[in-house]
Amino acid sequence: MHFRATAKPFPILATISSIMGRISQV
């Protein structure tokens, strides 16, 4: 996921990536 690389400088995107990961599990 490219979001992970962008999650470094952007903590907000990191949270979004976490939510996306949860949706994928569901």
Protein backbone atom coordinates (compact mmCIF):
# COMPACT_ATOMS: atom_id res chain seq x y z
CA MET A 1 0.00 0.00 0.00
CA HIS A 2 1.39 3.37 -0.97
CA PHE A 3 -0.55 4.98 1.89
CA ARG A 4 1.94 3.53 4.34
CA ALA A 5 4.83 5.48 2.82
CA THR A 6 2.79 8.67 3.01
CA ALA A 7 1.71 7.87 6.55
CA LYS A 8 5.22 8.73 7.78
CA PRO A 9 5.11 12.50 7.17
CA PHE A 10 1.34 12.57 7.60
CA PRO A 11 0.10 11.03 10.88
CA ILE A 12 -3.45 11.72 9.72
CA LEU A 13 -2.99 9.42 6.73
CA ALA A 14 -1.59 6.80 9.08
CA THR A 15 -4.92 6.74 10.89
CA ILE A 16 -6.77 6.44 7.59
CA SER A 17 -4.51 3.55 6.61
CA SER A 18 -5.35 1.84 9.90
CA ILE A 19 -9.07 2.24 9.24
CA MET A 20 -8.65 0.91 5.71
CA GLY A 21 -6.83 -2.13 7.08
CA ARG A 22 -9.70 -2.79 9.45
CA ILE A 23 -12.25 -2.58 6.65
CA SER A 24 -10.16 -5.06 4.65
CA GLN A 25 -10.25 -7.52 7.55
CA VAL A 26 -14.02 -7.15 7.80
